[in-house]
PDB file of N, CA and C in Angstrom:
ATOM      1  N   MET A   1     -32.663 -23.202-108.755  1.00  0.00           N
ATOM      2  CA  MET A   1     -34.006 -22.649-108.452  1.00  0.00           C
ATOM      3  C   MET A   1     -33.629 -21.185-108.229  1.00  0.00           C
ATOM      4  N   SER A   2     -34.202 -20.284-109.209  1.00  0.00           N
ATOM      5  CA  SER A   2     -34.055 -18.877-108.654  1.00  0.00           C
ATOM      6  C   SER A   2     -34.832 -18.595-107.531  1.00  0.00           C
ATOM      7  N   ARG A   3     -34.508 -17.419-106.962  1.00  0.00           N
ATOM      8  CA  ARG A   3     -35.144 -16.767-105.738  1.00  0.00           C
ATOM      9  C   ARG A   3     -36.614 -16.797-106.047  1.00  0.00           C
ATOM     10  N   ASP A   4     -36.885 -15.908-107.349  1.00  0.00           N
ATOM     11  CA  ASP A   4     -38.434 -15.771-107.412  1.00  0.00           C
ATOM     12  C   ASP A   4     -39.138 -17.021-107.260  1.00  0.00           C
ATOM     13  N   SER A   5     -38.881 -18.146-107.625  1.00  0.00           N
ATOM     14  CA  SER A   5     -39.855 -19.377-107.766  1.00  0.00           C
ATOM     15  C   SER A   5     -39.879 -20.013-106.019  1.00  0.00           C
ATOM     16  N   SER A   6     -39.201 -19.567-105.185  1.00  0.00           N
ATOM     17  CA  SER A   6     -39.038 -20.189-103.953  1.00  0.00           C
ATOM     18  C   SER A   6     -39.823 -19.018-102.891  1.00  0.00           C
ATOM     19  N   ALA A   7     -40.760 -20.257-102.081  1.00  0.00           N
ATOM     20  CA  ALA A   7     -41.859 -19.360-101.207  1.00  0.00           C
ATOM     21  C   ALA A   7     -40.914 -18.564-100.231  1.00  0.00           C
ATOM     22  N   THR A   8     -41.314 -17.366 -99.836  1.00  0.00           N
ATOM     23  CA  THR A   8     -40.629 -16.802 -98.551  1.00  0.00           C
ATOM     24  C   THR A   8     -41.918 -16.424 -97.857  1.00  0.00           C
ATOM     25  N   TYR A   9     -41.473 -15.339 -96.648  1.00  0.00           N
ATOM     26  CA  TYR A   9     -42.432 -15.299 -95.764  1.00  0.00           C
ATOM     27  C   TYR A   9     -43.494 -14.633 -96.511  1.00  0.00           C
ATOM     28  N   LEU A  10     -43.449 -13.775 -97.460  1.00  0.00           N
ATOM     29  CA  LEU A  10     -44.323 -13.464 -98.152  1.00  0.00           C
ATOM     30  C   LEU A  10     -44.266 -13.622 -99.729  1.00  0.00           C
ATOM     31  N   HIS A  11     -45.251 -14.468 -99.956  1.00  0.00           N
ATOM     32  CA  HIS A  11     -45.442 -15.373-101.033  1.00  0.00           C
ATOM     33  C   HIS A  11     -46.639 -14.888-101.906  1.00  0.00           C
ATOM     34  N   LEU A  12     -46.630 -14.118-102.942  1.00  0.00           N
ATOM     35  CA  LEU A  12     -47.571 -13.554-103.501  1.00  0.00           C
ATOM     36  C   LEU A  12     -48.215 -14.705-104.946  1.00  0.00           C
ATOM     37  N   HIS A  13     -49.742 -14.890-104.445  1.00  0.00           N
ATOM     38  CA  HIS A  13     -50.088 -16.009-105.509  1.00  0.00           C
ATOM     39  C   HIS A  13     -50.470 -15.438-106.536  1.00  0.00           C
ATOM     40  N   ALA A  14     -51.182 -14.354-106.684  1.00  0.00           N
ATOM     41  CA  ALA A  14     -51.364 -13.646-107.723  1.00  0.00           C
ATOM     42  C   ALA A  14     -50.739 -12.378-108.375  1.00  0.00           C
ATOM     43  N   SER A  15     -50.649 -11.801-109.395  1.00  0.00           N
ATOM     44  CA  SER A  15     -49.917 -10.668-109.737  1.00  0.00           C
ATOM     45  C   SER A  15     -50.429  -9.452-109.305  1.00  0.00           C
ATOM     46  N   PHE A  16     -51.843  -9.071-108.756  1.00  0.00           N
ATOM     47  CA  PHE A  16     -52.326  -7.976-108.426  1.00  0.00           C
ATOM     48  C   PHE A  16     -52.219  -8.178-106.896  1.00  0.00           C
ATOM     49  N   HIS A  17     -51.625  -9.140-106.161  1.00  0.00           N
ATOM     50  CA  HIS A  17     -51.115  -9.037-105.312  1.00  0.00           C
ATOM     51  C   HIS A  17     -50.014  -7.876-104.751  1.00  0.00           C
ATOM     52  N   ALA A  18     -49.343  -7.849-105.833  1.00  0.00           N
ATOM     53  CA  ALA A  18     -48.219  -7.140-105.690  1.00  0.00           C
ATOM     54  C   ALA A  18     -48.567  -5.611-105.907  1.00  0.00           C
ATOM     55  N   ASP A  19     -49.456  -5.207-106.553  1.00  0.00           N
ATOM     56  CA  ASP A  19     -50.081  -4.066-106.765  1.00  0.00           C
ATOM     57  C   ASP A  19     -51.032  -3.252-105.196  1.00  0.00           C
ATOM     58  N   LEU A  20     -51.497  -4.451-104.616  1.00  0.00           N
ATOM     59  CA  LEU A  20     -52.142  -4.446-103.208  1.00  0.00           C
ATOM     60  C   LEU A  20     -51.037  -4.013-101.909  1.00  0.00           C
ATOM     61  N   LEU A  21     -49.959  -4.932-102.441  1.00  0.00           N
ATOM     62  CA  LEU A  21     -48.881  -4.400-101.216  1.00  0.00           C
ATOM     63  C   LEU A  21     -48.149  -3.248-101.784  1.00  0.00           C
ATOM     64  N   GLU A  22     -48.086  -2.474-102.741  1.00  0.00           N
ATOM     65  CA  GLU A  22     -47.552  -1.600-102.997  1.00  0.00           C
ATOM     66  C   GLU A  22     -48.478  -0.166-102.777  1.00  0.00           C
ATOM     67  N   SER A  23     -49.472  -0.282-102.975  1.00  0.00           N
ATOM     68  CA  SER A  23     -50.540   0.518-102.538  1.00  0.00           C
ATOM     69  C   SER A  23     -50.799   0.675-100.996  1.00  0.00           C
ATOM     70  N   PHE A  24     -50.460  -0.453-100.068  1.00  0.00           N
ATOM     71  CA  PHE A  24     -50.519  -0.323 -98.961  1.00  0.00           C
ATOM     72  C   PHE A  24     -49.288   0.050 -98.144  1.00  0.00           C
ATOM     73  N   CYS A  25     -47.823  -0.260 -98.907  1.00  0.00           N
ATOM     74  CA  CYS A  25     -47.016   0.204 -98.193  1.00  0.00           C
ATOM     75  C   CYS A  25     -46.676   1.712 -98.676  1.00  0.00           C
ATOM     76  N   HIS A  26     -46.718   2.031 -99.578  1.00  0.00           N
ATOM     77  CA  HIS A  26     -46.764   3.308-100.177  1.00  0.00           C
ATOM     78  C   HIS A  26     -47.722   4.217-100.550  1.00  0.00           C
ATOM     79  N   PRO A  27     -48.742   4.483 -99.228  1.00  0.00           N
ATOM     80  CA  PRO A  27     -49.950   5.204 -99.794  1.00  0.00           C
ATOM     81  C   PRO A  27     -49.397   6.876 -99.728  1.00  0.00           C
ATOM     82  N   SER A  28     -50.238   7.406-100.908  1.00  0.00           N
ATOM     83  CA  SER A  28     -49.705   8.587-100.896  1.00  0.00           C
ATOM     84  C   SER A  28     -50.249   9.838-100.143  1.00  0.00           C
ATOM     85  N   SER A  29     -50.978   9.415 -98.991  1.00  0.00           N
ATOM     86  CA  SER A  29     -51.458  10.228 -97.981  1.00  0.00           C
ATOM     87  C   SER A  29     -50.255  10.020 -96.734  1.00  0.00           C
ATOM     88  N   SER A  30     -49.464   9.085 -96.868  1.00  0.00           N
ATOM     89  CA  SER A  30     -48.207   9.279 -96.137  1.00  0.00           C
ATOM     90  C   SER A  30     -47.345  10.098 -96.332  1.00  0.00           C
ATOM     91  N   THR A  31     -47.286  10.714 -97.087  1.00  0.00           N
ATOM     92  CA  THR A  31     -46.190  11.774 -97.333  1.00  0.00           C
ATOM     93  C   THR A  31     -46.546  13.025 -97.116  1.00  0.00           C
ATOM     94  N   LEU A  32     -45.903  13.748 -96.481  1.00  0.00           N
ATOM     95  CA  LEU A  32     -45.960  15.355 -95.858  1.00  0.00           C
ATOM     96  C   LEU A  32     -45.983  15.740 -97.021  1.00  0.00           C
ATOM     97  N   PRO A  33     -46.620  17.256 -97.015  1.00  0.00           N
ATOM     98  CA  PRO A  33     -46.432  18.069 -97.707  1.00  0.00           C
ATOM     99  C   PRO A  33     -45.018  18.904 -97.485  1.00  0.00           C
ATOM    100  N   SER A  34     -44.466  19.567 -98.649  1.00  0.00           N
ATOM    101  CA  SER A  34     -43.652  20.375 -97.858  1.00  0.00           C
ATOM    102  C   SER A  34     -43.983  21.619 -97.398  1.00  0.00           C
ATOM    103  N   GLU A  35     -43.115  22.051 -96.739  1.00  0.00           N
ATOM    104  CA  GLU A  35     -43.812  23.459 -96.007  1.00  0.00           C
ATOM    105  C   GLU A  35     -42.074  24.447 -96.123  1.00  0.00           C
ATOM    106  N   SER A  36     -42.722  25.742 -95.947  1.00  0.00           N
ATOM    107  CA  SER A  36     -41.676  26.521 -95.862  1.00  0.00           C
ATOM    108  C   SER A  36     -41.014  26.914 -94.172  1.00  0.00           C
ATOM    109  N   ILE A  37     -39.680  26.829 -94.296  1.00  0.00           N
ATOM    110  CA  ILE A  37     -39.202  26.969 -92.894  1.00  0.00           C
ATOM    111  C   ILE A  37     -38.660  28.516 -92.639  1.00  0.00           C
ATOM    112  N   ASP A  38     -39.275  28.842 -91.654  1.00  0.00           N
ATOM    113  CA  ASP A  38     -39.241  30.433 -91.218  1.00  0.00           C
ATOM    114  C   ASP A  38     -37.694  30.791 -90.481  1.00  0.00           C
ATOM    115  N   VAL A  39     -37.065  31.154 -91.422  1.00  0.00           N
ATOM    116  CA  VAL A  39     -35.566  31.594 -90.877  1.00  0.00           C
ATOM    117  C   VAL A  39     -35.203  32.903 -90.125  1.00  0.00           C
ATOM    118  N   PRO A  40     -35.207  33.320 -88.925  1.00  0.00           N
ATOM    119  CA  PRO A  40     -35.075  34.462 -88.674  1.00  0.00           C
ATOM    120  C   PRO A  40     -33.735  35.420 -89.594  1.00  0.00           C
ATOM    121  N   PRO A  41     -34.014  36.508 -89.981  1.00  0.00           N
ATOM    122  CA  PRO A  41     -33.632  37.372 -90.683  1.00  0.00           C
ATOM    123  C   PRO A  41     -31.828  37.157 -90.425  1.00  0.00           C
ATOM    124  N   HIS A  42     -31.419  37.508 -89.198  1.00  0.00           N
ATOM    125  CA  HIS A  42     -30.005  37.147 -88.810  1.00  0.00           C
ATOM    126  C   HIS A  42     -29.231  36.055 -89.167  1.00  0.00           C
ATOM    127  N   LEU A  43     -30.156  34.928 -89.370  1.00  0.00           N
ATOM    128  CA  LEU A  43     -29.649  33.846 -89.580  1.00  0.00           C
ATOM    129  C   LEU A  43     -29.582  33.392 -91.343  1.00  0.00           C
ATOM    130  N   GLN A  44     -30.070  34.305 -92.200  1.00  0.00           N
ATOM    131  CA  GLN A  44     -30.250  34.134 -93.440  1.00  0.00           C
ATOM    132  C   GLN A  44     -29.240  34.254 -94.072  1.00  0.00           C
ATOM    133  N   PRO A  45     -28.593  33.351 -95.313  1.00  0.00           N
ATOM    134  CA  PRO A  45     -27.410  33.769 -95.900  1.00  0.00           C
ATOM    135  C   PRO A  45     -27.523  35.425 -97.046  1.00  0.00           C
ATOM    136  N   VAL A  46     -26.409  36.039 -96.927  1.00  0.00           N
ATOM    137  CA  VAL A  46     -26.640  37.223 -97.641  1.00  0.00           C
ATOM    138  C   VAL A  46     -26.929  36.800 -99.027  1.00  0.00           C
ATOM    139  N   ASN A  47     -27.784  37.534 -99.839  1.00  0.00           N
ATOM    140  CA  ASN A  47     -28.047  37.509-101.331  1.00  0.00           C
ATOM    141  C   ASN A  47     -27.280  37.985-101.954  1.00  0.00           C
ATOM    142  N   PRO A  48     -26.216  37.349-103.008  1.00  0.00           N
ATOM    143  CA  PRO A  48     -25.447  37.776-103.711  1.00  0.00           C
ATOM    144  C   PRO A  48     -25.655  39.268-104.903  1.00  0.00           C
ATOM    145  N   GLU A  49     -27.160  38.716-105.140  1.00  0.00           N
ATOM    146  CA  GLU A  49     -27.919  39.743-105.996  1.00  0.00           C
ATOM    147  C   GLU A  49     -28.075  40.963-105.297  1.00  0.00           C
ATOM    148  N   ASP A  50     -28.178  41.266-104.157  1.00  0.00           N
ATOM    149  CA  ASP A  50     -28.535  42.387-103.323  1.00  0.00           C
ATOM    150  C   ASP A  50     -27.390  43.190-103.039  1.00  0.00           C
ATOM    151  N   GLU A  51     -26.104  42.296-102.551  1.00  0.00           N
ATOM    152  CA  GLU A  51     -25.036  43.095-102.595  1.00  0.00           C
ATOM    153  C   GLU A  51     -23.921  43.160-103.503  1.00  0.00           C
ATOM    154  N   ASP A  52     -23.467  43.863-104.350  1.00  0.00           N
ATOM    155  CA  ASP A  52     -22.416  44.086-105.024  1.00  0.00           C
ATOM    156  C   ASP A  52     -21.097  43.654-104.649  1.00  0.00           C
ATOM    157  N   ASP A  53     -20.745  43.927-103.343  1.00  0.00           N
ATOM    158  CA  ASP A  53     -19.230  43.690-102.870  1.00  0.00           C
ATOM    159  C   ASP A  53     -19.228  42.518-102.078  1.00  0.00           C
ATOM    160  N   VAL A  54     -20.305  41.424-102.273  1.00  0.00           N
ATOM    161  CA  VAL A  54     -20.334  40.397-101.658  1.00  0.00           C
ATOM    162  C   VAL A  54     -19.932  39.257-102.807  1.00  0.00           C
ATOM    163  N   VAL A  55     -18.694  38.562-102.709  1.00  0.00           N
ATOM    164  CA  VAL A  55     -18.782  37.437-103.357  1.00  0.00           C
ATOM    165  C   VAL A  55     -19.148  36.158-102.904  1.00  0.00           C
ATOM    166  N   PRO A  56     -19.802  35.432-104.048  1.00  0.00           N
ATOM    167  CA  PRO A  56     -20.612  34.270-103.468  1.00  0.00           C
ATOM    168  C   PRO A  56     -19.991  33.098-103.010  1.00  0.00           C
ATOM    169  N   ASP A  57     -19.913  32.240-102.252  1.00  0.00           N
ATOM    170  CA  ASP A  57     -19.269  31.352-101.767  1.00  0.00           C
ATOM    171  C   ASP A  57     -18.967  30.422-102.732  1.00  0.00           C
ATOM    172  N   GLN A  58     -19.586  30.105-103.603  1.00  0.00           N
ATOM    173  CA  GLN A  58     -19.455  29.313-104.742  1.00  0.00           C
ATOM    174  C   GLN A  58     -18.281  29.571-106.086  1.00  0.00           C
ATOM    175  N   HIS A  59     -18.393  30.913-106.103  1.00  0.00           N
ATOM    176  CA  HIS A  59     -17.244  31.670-106.664  1.00  0.00           C
ATOM    177  C   HIS A  59     -15.791  31.294-106.530  1.00  0.00           C
ATOM    178  N   ALA A  60     -15.264  31.381-107.670  1.00  0.00           N
ATOM    179  CA  ALA A  60     -13.588  30.777-107.358  1.00  0.00           C
ATOM    180  C   ALA A  60     -12.579  31.889-106.817  1.00  0.00           C
ATOM    181  N   ALA A  61     -13.389  33.323-106.768  1.00  0.00           N
ATOM    182  CA  ALA A  61     -12.464  34.430-106.194  1.00  0.00           C
ATOM    183  C   ALA A  61     -12.774  34.128-104.924  1.00  0.00           C
ATOM    184  N   PHE A  62     -13.529  33.734-104.285  1.00  0.00           N
ATOM    185  CA  PHE A  62     -14.043  33.714-102.981  1.00  0.00           C
ATOM    186  C   PHE A  62     -12.831  33.059-102.444  1.00  0.00           C
ATOM    187  N   GLY A  63     -12.026  31.968-102.783  1.00  0.00           N
ATOM    188  CA  GLY A  63     -11.099  31.147-102.243  1.00  0.00           C
ATOM    189  C   GLY A  63      -9.666  32.480-102.039  1.00  0.00           C
ATOM    190  N   ILE A  64      -9.841  33.300-103.235  1.00  0.00           N
ATOM    191  CA  ILE A  64      -8.366  34.058-103.259  1.00  0.00           C
ATOM    192  C   ILE A  64      -8.943  35.295-102.247  1.00  0.00           C
ATOM    193  N   GLN A  65     -10.153  35.479-102.416  1.00  0.00           N
ATOM    194  CA  GLN A  65     -10.545  36.753-101.194  1.00  0.00           C
ATOM    195  C   GLN A  65     -10.112  35.864 -99.791  1.00  0.00           C
ATOM    196  N   ARG A  66     -10.404  35.030 -99.752  1.00  0.00           N
ATOM    197  CA  ARG A  66     -10.101  34.614 -98.006  1.00  0.00           C
ATOM    198  C   ARG A  66      -8.385  34.595 -97.907  1.00  0.00           C
ATOM    199  N   ALA A  67      -7.807  33.989 -98.700  1.00  0.00           N
ATOM    200  CA  ALA A  67      -6.493  33.894 -98.489  1.00  0.00           C
ATOM    201  C   ALA A  67      -5.918  35.307 -98.395  1.00  0.00           C
ATOM    202  N   ARG A  68      -6.321  36.154 -98.733  1.00  0.00           N
ATOM    203  CA  ARG A  68      -5.657  37.469 -98.947  1.00  0.00           C
ATOM    204  C   ARG A  68      -6.110  38.394 -97.631  1.00  0.00           C
ATOM    205  N   GLU A  69      -7.300  38.035 -96.933  1.00  0.00           N
ATOM    206  CA  GLU A  69      -7.787  38.229 -95.731  1.00  0.00           C
ATOM    207  C   GLU A  69      -6.829  37.313 -94.816  1.00  0.00           C
ATOM    208  N   ARG A  70      -6.312  36.384 -94.808  1.00  0.00           N
ATOM    209  CA  ARG A  70      -5.850  35.647 -93.916  1.00  0.00           C
ATOM    210  C   ARG A  70      -4.137  35.851 -93.856  1.00  0.00           C
ATOM    211  N   GLY A  71      -3.745  36.316 -95.140  1.00  0.00           N
ATOM    212  CA  GLY A  71      -2.569  37.078 -94.752  1.00  0.00           C
ATOM    213  C   GLY A  71      -2.241  38.554 -94.277  1.00  0.00           C
ATOM    214  N   SER A  72      -3.539  39.345 -94.281  1.00  0.00           N
ATOM    215  CA  SER A  72      -3.338  40.454 -93.477  1.00  0.00           C
ATOM    216  C   SER A  72      -3.689  40.352 -91.985  1.00  0.00           C
ATOM    217  N   ARG A  73      -4.558  39.371 -91.590  1.00  0.00           N
ATOM    218  CA  ARG A  73      -4.684  39.236 -90.411  1.00  0.00           C
ATOM    219  C   ARG A  73      -4.014  37.991 -89.791  1.00  0.00           C
ATOM    220  N   ARG A  74      -2.843  38.408 -89.178  1.00  0.00           N
ATOM    221  CA  ARG A  74      -1.858  37.249 -88.907  1.00  0.00           C
ATOM    222  C   ARG A  74      -2.043  37.232 -87.284  1.00  0.00           C
ATOM    223  N   GLU A  75      -2.383  36.014 -87.230  1.00  0.00           N
ATOM    224  CA  GLU A  75      -2.350  35.779 -85.443  1.00  0.00           C
ATOM    225  C   GLU A  75      -0.883  35.301 -84.741  1.00  0.00           C
ATOM    226  N   VAL A  76      -1.117  35.996 -83.566  1.00  0.00           N
ATOM    227  CA  VAL A  76       0.108  35.934 -82.737  1.00  0.00           C
ATOM    228  C   VAL A  76       0.619  34.523 -82.631  1.00  0.00           C
ATOM    229  N   VAL A  77       1.880  34.084 -82.933  1.00  0.00           N
ATOM    230  CA  VAL A  77       1.947  32.875 -82.330  1.00  0.00           C
ATOM    231  C   VAL A  77       2.935  32.852 -81.265  1.00  0.00           C
ATOM    232  N   TRP A  78       2.560  31.915 -79.887  1.00  0.00           N
ATOM    233  CA  TRP A  78       3.519  32.074 -79.076  1.00  0.00           C
ATOM    234  C   TRP A  78       4.540  30.900 -79.333  1.00  0.00           C
ATOM    235  N   ARG A  79       5.985  31.458 -78.913  1.00  0.00           N
ATOM    236  CA  ARG A  79       7.057  30.652 -79.527  1.00  0.00           C
ATOM    237  C   ARG A  79       7.937  30.605 -78.195  1.00  0.00           C
ATOM    238  N   ASP A  80       7.792  31.067 -77.299  1.00  0.00           N
ATOM    239  CA  ASP A  80       8.914  31.028 -75.950  1.00  0.00           C
ATOM    240  C   ASP A  80       8.278  29.801 -75.230  1.00  0.00           C
ATOM    241  N   LEU A  81       9.078  28.983 -75.444  1.00  0.00           N
ATOM    242  CA  LEU A  81       9.175  27.323 -74.994  1.00  0.00           C
ATOM    243  C   LEU A  81       9.938  27.468 -73.235  1.00  0.00           C
ATOM    244  N   GLY A  82      10.600  28.512 -72.936  1.00  0.00           N
ATOM    245  CA  GLY A  82      11.357  28.158 -71.827  1.00  0.00           C
ATOM    246  C   GLY A  82      12.229  27.631 -71.892  1.00  0.00           C
ATOM    247  N   LEU A  83      13.133  27.373 -73.179  1.00  0.00           N
ATOM    248  CA  LEU A  83      14.306  26.578 -73.158  1.00  0.00           C
ATOM    249  C   LEU A  83      15.802  27.407 -72.311  1.00  0.00           C
ATOM    250  N   GLU A  84      15.817  28.094 -72.600  1.00  0.00           N
ATOM    251  CA  GLU A  84      16.909  28.876 -71.838  1.00  0.00           C
ATOM    252  C   GLU A  84      16.852  28.434 -70.760  1.00  0.00           C
ATOM    253  N   GLU A  85      15.697  28.630 -69.745  1.00  0.00           N
ATOM    254  CA  GLU A  85      15.699  28.347 -68.299  1.00  0.00           C
ATOM    255  C   GLU A  85      16.251  27.094 -68.200  1.00  0.00           C
ATOM    256  N   LEU A  86      15.929  26.081 -69.244  1.00  0.00           N
ATOM    257  CA  LEU A  86      16.151  24.599 -68.900  1.00  0.00           C
ATOM    258  C   LEU A  86      17.240  24.563 -69.126  1.00  0.00           C
ATOM    259  N   VAL A  87      17.987  25.195 -70.168  1.00  0.00           N
ATOM    260  CA  VAL A  87      19.317  24.783 -70.341  1.00  0.00           C
ATOM    261  C   VAL A  87      20.380  25.261 -69.299  1.00  0.00           C
ATOM    262  N   ARG A  88      19.807  26.530 -69.030  1.00  0.00           N
ATOM    263  CA  ARG A  88      20.731  27.073 -67.696  1.00  0.00           C
ATOM    264  C   ARG A  88      20.800  26.342 -66.584  1.00  0.00           C
ATOM    265  N   ARG A  89      19.361  25.845 -66.084  1.00  0.00           N
ATOM    266  CA  ARG A  89      19.381  24.703 -64.847  1.00  0.00           C
ATOM    267  C   ARG A  89      20.112  23.417 -65.137  1.00  0.00           C
ATOM    268  N   GLY A  90      20.192  23.150 -66.242  1.00  0.00           N
ATOM    269  CA  GLY A  90      20.849  21.628 -66.255  1.00  0.00           C
ATOM    270  C   GLY A  90      20.002  20.481 -66.055  1.00  0.00           C
ATOM    271  N   PRO A  91      20.482  19.073 -66.331  1.00  0.00           N
ATOM    272  CA  PRO A  91      19.688  18.037 -66.177  1.00  0.00           C
ATOM    273  C   PRO A  91      19.624  17.554 -64.653  1.00  0.00           C
ATOM    274  N   GLY A  92      18.727  16.930 -64.124  1.00  0.00           N
ATOM    275  CA  GLY A  92      18.475  16.554 -62.532  1.00  0.00           C
ATOM    276  C   GLY A  92      18.159  17.495 -61.724  1.00  0.00           C
ATOM    277  N   GLU A  93      18.215  19.075 -62.123  1.00  0.00           N
ATOM    278  CA  GLU A  93      17.860  19.891 -61.341  1.00  0.00           C
ATOM    279  C   GLU A  93      16.162  20.199 -61.038  1.00  0.00           C
ATOM    280  N   THR A  94      15.892  19.935 -59.881  1.00  0.00           N
ATOM    281  CA  THR A  94      14.395  20.313 -59.824  1.00  0.00           C
ATOM    282  C   THR A  94      13.846  21.451 -59.297  1.00  0.00           C
ATOM    283  N   GLY A  95      12.962  22.359 -59.475  1.00  0.00           N
ATOM    284  CA  GLY A  95      12.402  23.630 -59.205  1.00  0.00           C
ATOM    285  C   GLY A  95      11.466  23.831 -59.830  1.00  0.00           C
ATOM    286  N   ASN A  96      11.162  25.293 -59.341  1.00  0.00           N
ATOM    287  CA  ASN A  96       9.993  25.843 -60.189  1.00  0.00           C
ATOM    288  C   ASN A  96      10.321  26.296 -61.851  1.00  0.00           C
ATOM    289  N   VAL A  97       9.921  25.401 -62.460  1.00  0.00           N
ATOM    290  CA  VAL A  97      10.052  25.790 -64.148  1.00  0.00           C
ATOM    291  C   VAL A  97       8.915  25.808 -64.721  1.00  0.00           C
ATOM    292  N   GLY A  98       8.393  26.944 -65.453  1.00  0.00           N
ATOM    293  CA  GLY A  98       7.379  27.603 -65.986  1.00  0.00           C
ATOM    294  C   GLY A  98       6.340  27.528 -65.130  1.00  0.00           C
ATOM    295  N   GLY A  99       6.613  28.073 -63.726  1.00  0.00           N
ATOM    296  CA  GLY A  99       5.307  28.377 -62.513  1.00  0.00           C
ATOM    297  C   GLY A  99       4.762  27.161 -61.963  1.00  0.00           C
ATOM    298  N   VAL A 100       5.496  26.010 -62.305  1.00  0.00           N
ATOM    299  CA  VAL A 100       4.746  24.841 -61.628  1.00  0.00           C
ATOM    300  C   VAL A 100       5.799  23.766 -60.773  1.00  0.00           C
ATOM    301  N   ARG A 101       5.389  23.754 -59.728  1.00  0.00           N
ATOM    302  CA  ARG A 101       6.367  23.611 -58.412  1.00  0.00           C
ATOM    303  C   ARG A 101       6.279  21.803 -58.982  1.00  0.00           C
ATOM    304  N   SER A 102       7.633  21.234 -58.783  1.00  0.00           N
ATOM    305  CA  SER A 102       7.892  19.767 -59.019  1.00  0.00           C
ATOM    306  C   SER A 102       8.175  19.668 -57.496  1.00  0.00           C
ATOM    307  N   GLY A 103       8.128  17.901 -57.148  1.00  0.00           N
ATOM    308  CA  GLY A 103       8.475  17.457 -56.175  1.00  0.00           C
ATOM    309  C   GLY A 103       7.425  17.558 -55.065  1.00  0.00           C
TER     310      GLY A 103
END
């Protein structure tokens, strides 16, 4: 027996009941009209048609431009782990290593 022929909590006895149910569940008045959203000018994206030197985000050259900018602006990397002090003191010695008191 198929599911369509078995009774459920909502069993439609006539075909027009489906139309009534559809109009009840999805009335056209329940949808809200589209409204424009006001965005402050400082939060609006730059229009690439207005600016000649701006590359749009979707353009292939945008990734190349960002990669070039990253290469020119290199961040300073901290590489001093204080290993010389650790090796000089040796194992088992406690003391003030790296500004932290132990013990």
